[in-house]
Amino acid sequence: MFRNNTDHKLKVEAIIKNINTISLELKKMKESSQLLLCDLILHFNHPVKADDFKETERNNPLFEEFKISDVSLASNSFST
């Protein structure tokens, strides 16, 4: 019985940790999408000449590809 409770507690802690990690990643994605939206709004409200824009983009990309860190879900560790 004691071992069962300990296993259950460890599983719950792992689930909570994974939920927190997923929440953090979602916040990063939201921030990134808001920045991209701002870039689009600025670009279409204040367009620059195509050549100038290409030169600027080559020197300073508007955004870096968003990379999601590997998140192992708790459900994967509970396979029996």
N, C-alpha and C. Protein backbone atom coordinates (compact mmCIF):
# COMPACT_ATOMS: atom_id res chain seq x y z
N MET A 1 0.82 -1.19 0.00
CA MET A 1 0.00 0.00 0.00
C MET A 1 0.87 1.27 0.00
N PHE A 2 1.93 1.27 0.81
CA PHE A 2 2.80 2.44 0.90
C PHE A 2 3.49 2.70 -0.44
N ARG A 3 3.93 1.63 -1.10
CA ARG A 3 4.61 1.77 -2.39
C ARG A 3 3.66 2.35 -3.43
N ASN A 4 2.40 1.93 -3.39
CA ASN A 4 1.38 2.43 -4.31
C ASN A 4 1.19 3.94 -4.15
N ASN A 5 1.13 4.41 -2.91
CA ASN A 5 0.97 5.84 -2.64
C ASN A 5 2.18 6.63 -3.12
N THR A 6 3.37 6.09 -2.89
CA THR A 6 4.59 6.75 -3.33
C THR A 6 4.63 6.84 -4.85
N ASP A 7 4.30 5.76 -5.54
CA ASP A 7 4.26 5.77 -7.00
C ASP A 7 3.26 6.80 -7.51
N HIS A 8 2.10 6.83 -6.87
CA HIS A 8 1.05 7.78 -7.27
C HIS A 8 1.53 9.22 -7.08
N LYS A 9 2.19 9.47 -5.96
CA LYS A 9 2.70 10.81 -5.67
C LYS A 9 3.75 11.22 -6.71
N LEU A 10 4.64 10.31 -7.05
CA LEU A 10 5.67 10.60 -8.06
C LEU A 10 5.05 10.89 -9.42
N LYS A 11 4.01 10.13 -9.78
CA LYS A 11 3.33 10.35 -11.06
C LYS A 11 2.64 11.70 -11.08
N VAL A 12 2.01 12.07 -10.00
CA VAL A 12 1.32 13.37 -9.92
C VAL A 12 2.34 14.50 -10.02
N GLU A 13 3.47 14.36 -9.33
CA GLU A 13 4.52 15.39 -9.40
C GLU A 13 5.07 15.51 -10.81
N ALA A 14 5.24 14.39 -11.50
CA ALA A 14 5.72 14.42 -12.88
C ALA A 14 4.71 15.10 -13.81
N ILE A 15 3.45 14.83 -13.59
CA ILE A 15 2.40 15.47 -14.39
C ILE A 15 2.39 16.98 -14.17
N ILE A 16 2.48 17.39 -12.91
CA ILE A 16 2.50 18.83 -12.60
C ILE A 16 3.71 19.50 -13.24
N LYS A 17 4.86 18.86 -13.16
CA LYS A 17 6.07 19.43 -13.76
C LYS A 17 5.89 19.56 -15.27
N ASN A 18 5.32 18.55 -15.92
CA ASN A 18 5.12 18.61 -17.37
C ASN A 18 4.09 19.66 -17.75
N ILE A 19 3.06 19.83 -16.95
CA ILE A 19 2.06 20.87 -17.21
C ILE A 19 2.72 22.25 -17.12
N ASN A 20 3.56 22.43 -16.12
CA ASN A 20 4.27 23.71 -15.98
C ASN A 20 5.18 23.97 -17.17
N THR A 21 5.87 22.94 -17.64
CA THR A 21 6.74 23.08 -18.80
C THR A 21 5.94 23.43 -20.05
N ILE A 22 4.83 22.76 -20.25
CA ILE A 22 3.98 23.04 -21.40
C ILE A 22 3.43 24.46 -21.31
N SER A 23 3.03 24.88 -20.14
CA SER A 23 2.52 26.24 -19.93
C SER A 23 3.58 27.28 -20.30
N LEU A 24 4.80 27.05 -19.88
CA LEU A 24 5.90 27.96 -20.19
C LEU A 24 6.13 28.03 -21.69
N GLU A 25 6.11 26.89 -22.36
CA GLU A 25 6.30 26.87 -23.81
C GLU A 25 5.17 27.59 -24.53
N LEU A 26 3.95 27.45 -24.04
CA LEU A 26 2.81 28.16 -24.65
C LEU A 26 2.95 29.67 -24.47
N LYS A 27 3.44 30.10 -23.33
CA LYS A 27 3.67 31.53 -23.11
C LYS A 27 4.72 32.06 -24.09
N LYS A 28 5.78 31.28 -24.32
CA LYS A 28 6.82 31.69 -25.28
C LYS A 28 6.24 31.78 -26.68
N MET A 29 5.41 30.81 -27.05
CA MET A 29 4.79 30.83 -28.37
C MET A 29 3.86 32.03 -28.52
N LYS A 30 3.11 32.36 -27.48
CA LYS A 30 2.21 33.51 -27.52
C LYS A 30 3.00 34.79 -27.72
N GLU A 31 4.08 34.94 -26.98
CA GLU A 31 4.93 36.13 -27.11
C GLU A 31 5.52 36.22 -28.52
N SER A 32 6.00 35.10 -29.02
CA SER A 32 6.57 35.08 -30.36
C SER A 32 5.54 35.45 -31.42
N SER A 33 4.33 34.91 -31.30
CA SER A 33 3.29 35.21 -32.28
C SER A 33 2.87 36.68 -32.20
N GLN A 34 2.86 37.25 -30.99
CA GLN A 34 2.53 38.67 -30.85
C GLN A 34 3.59 39.55 -31.51
N LEU A 35 4.86 39.17 -31.36
CA LEU A 35 5.93 39.93 -32.00
C LEU A 35 5.84 39.84 -33.52
N LEU A 36 5.53 38.66 -34.03
CA LEU A 36 5.38 38.50 -35.47
C LEU A 36 4.20 39.32 -35.99
N LEU A 37 3.12 39.34 -35.24
CA LEU A 37 1.96 40.14 -35.63
C LEU A 37 2.32 41.62 -35.66
N CYS A 38 3.07 42.08 -34.68
CA CYS A 38 3.53 43.47 -34.67
C CYS A 38 4.38 43.77 -35.90
N ASP A 39 5.27 42.86 -36.26
CA ASP A 39 6.10 43.03 -37.45
C ASP A 39 5.23 43.15 -38.70
N LEU A 40 4.21 42.30 -38.80
CA LEU A 40 3.32 42.36 -39.96
C LEU A 40 2.56 43.68 -40.01
N ILE A 41 2.04 44.10 -38.88
CA ILE A 41 1.30 45.36 -38.83
C ILE A 41 2.19 46.52 -39.24
N LEU A 42 3.39 46.58 -38.69
CA LEU A 42 4.31 47.65 -39.05
C LEU A 42 4.68 47.60 -40.52
N HIS A 43 4.90 46.42 -41.01
CA HIS A 43 5.31 46.28 -42.41
C HIS A 43 4.20 46.76 -43.36
N PHE A 44 2.96 46.38 -43.09
CA PHE A 44 1.88 46.75 -44.00
C PHE A 44 1.37 48.17 -43.77
N ASN A 45 1.57 48.73 -42.60
CA ASN A 45 1.18 50.12 -42.36
C ASN A 45 2.24 51.10 -42.85
N HIS A 46 3.49 50.67 -42.81
CA HIS A 46 4.60 51.53 -43.23
C HIS A 46 5.51 50.73 -44.16
N PRO A 47 5.04 50.41 -45.36
CA PRO A 47 5.86 49.59 -46.26
C PRO A 47 7.11 50.34 -46.71
N VAL A 48 8.18 49.63 -46.84
CA VAL A 48 9.43 50.18 -47.36
C VAL A 48 9.61 49.61 -48.76
N LYS A 49 10.49 50.21 -49.49
CA LYS A 49 10.76 49.69 -50.83
C LYS A 49 11.23 48.25 -50.72
N ALA A 50 10.87 47.44 -51.67
CA ALA A 50 11.18 46.01 -51.63
C ALA A 50 12.68 45.77 -51.51
N ASP A 51 13.49 46.56 -52.23
CA ASP A 51 14.95 46.36 -52.17
C ASP A 51 15.48 46.69 -50.78
N ASP A 52 14.98 47.76 -50.18
CA ASP A 52 15.41 48.13 -48.84
C ASP A 52 15.02 47.05 -47.83
N PHE A 53 13.81 46.53 -47.98
CA PHE A 53 13.33 45.50 -47.07
C PHE A 53 14.17 44.23 -47.17
N LYS A 54 14.50 43.84 -48.40
CA LYS A 54 15.31 42.62 -48.58
C LYS A 54 16.68 42.80 -47.96
N GLU A 55 17.25 43.99 -48.12
CA GLU A 55 18.57 44.26 -47.54
C GLU A 55 18.49 44.21 -46.01
N THR A 56 17.45 44.81 -45.45
CA THR A 56 17.27 44.81 -44.00
C THR A 56 17.06 43.39 -43.49
N GLU A 57 16.24 42.62 -44.21
CA GLU A 57 15.95 41.25 -43.80
C GLU A 57 17.22 40.39 -43.85
N ARG A 58 18.08 40.63 -44.84
CA ARG A 58 19.31 39.87 -44.96
C ARG A 58 20.24 40.17 -43.78
N ASN A 59 20.27 41.42 -43.35
CA ASN A 59 21.15 41.81 -42.25
C ASN A 59 20.56 41.48 -40.88
N ASN A 60 19.26 41.65 -40.73
CA ASN A 60 18.56 41.40 -39.47
C ASN A 60 17.26 40.68 -39.74
N PRO A 61 17.25 39.36 -39.65
CA PRO A 61 15.99 38.65 -39.88
C PRO A 61 14.92 39.12 -38.90
N LEU A 62 13.68 39.19 -39.37
CA LEU A 62 12.59 39.67 -38.52
C LEU A 62 12.35 38.75 -37.34
N PHE A 63 12.56 37.49 -37.54
CA PHE A 63 12.34 36.56 -36.45
C PHE A 63 13.21 35.33 -36.67
N GLU A 64 13.51 34.67 -35.59
CA GLU A 64 14.21 33.40 -35.67
C GLU A 64 13.18 32.30 -35.60
N GLU A 65 13.48 31.20 -36.25
CA GLU A 65 12.53 30.09 -36.21
C GLU A 65 12.34 29.66 -34.77
N PHE A 66 11.08 29.59 -34.38
CA PHE A 66 10.75 29.22 -33.00
C PHE A 66 10.99 27.74 -32.81
N LYS A 67 11.78 27.39 -31.82
CA LYS A 67 12.07 25.99 -31.56
C LYS A 67 11.46 25.61 -30.23
N ILE A 68 10.68 24.57 -30.25
CA ILE A 68 10.07 24.08 -29.03
C ILE A 68 11.00 23.03 -28.44
N SER A 69 11.34 23.23 -27.18
CA SER A 69 12.20 22.25 -26.53
C SER A 69 11.45 20.92 -26.40
N ASP A 70 12.21 19.87 -26.34
CA ASP A 70 11.60 18.55 -26.20
C ASP A 70 10.91 18.46 -24.85
N VAL A 71 9.66 18.15 -24.91
CA VAL A 71 8.88 18.01 -23.68
C VAL A 71 8.35 16.58 -23.67
N SER A 72 8.82 15.81 -22.72
CA SER A 72 8.31 14.45 -22.62
C SER A 72 7.08 14.48 -21.75
N LEU A 73 6.00 14.06 -22.28
CA LEU A 73 4.74 14.09 -21.54
C LEU A 73 4.72 13.02 -20.48
N ALA A 74 4.06 13.32 -19.41
CA ALA A 74 3.99 12.39 -18.28
C ALA A 74 3.31 11.09 -18.68
N SER A 75 2.37 11.18 -19.61
CA SER A 75 1.64 9.98 -20.01
C SER A 75 2.58 8.95 -20.66
N ASN A 76 3.66 9.43 -21.27
CA ASN A 76 4.62 8.49 -21.88
C ASN A 76 5.35 7.67 -20.83
N SER A 77 5.56 8.27 -19.66
CA SER A 77 6.32 7.56 -18.62
C SER A 77 5.45 6.61 -17.82
N PHE A 78 4.14 6.62 -18.06
CA PHE A 78 3.25 5.77 -17.31
C PHE A 78 2.84 4.52 -18.06
N SER A 79 3.43 4.31 -19.21
CA SER A 79 3.08 3.12 -19.97
C SER A 79 3.45 1.87 -19.16
N THR A 80 2.53 0.95 -19.12
CA THR A 80 2.82 -0.26 -18.32
C THR A 80 2.77 -1.48 -19.20
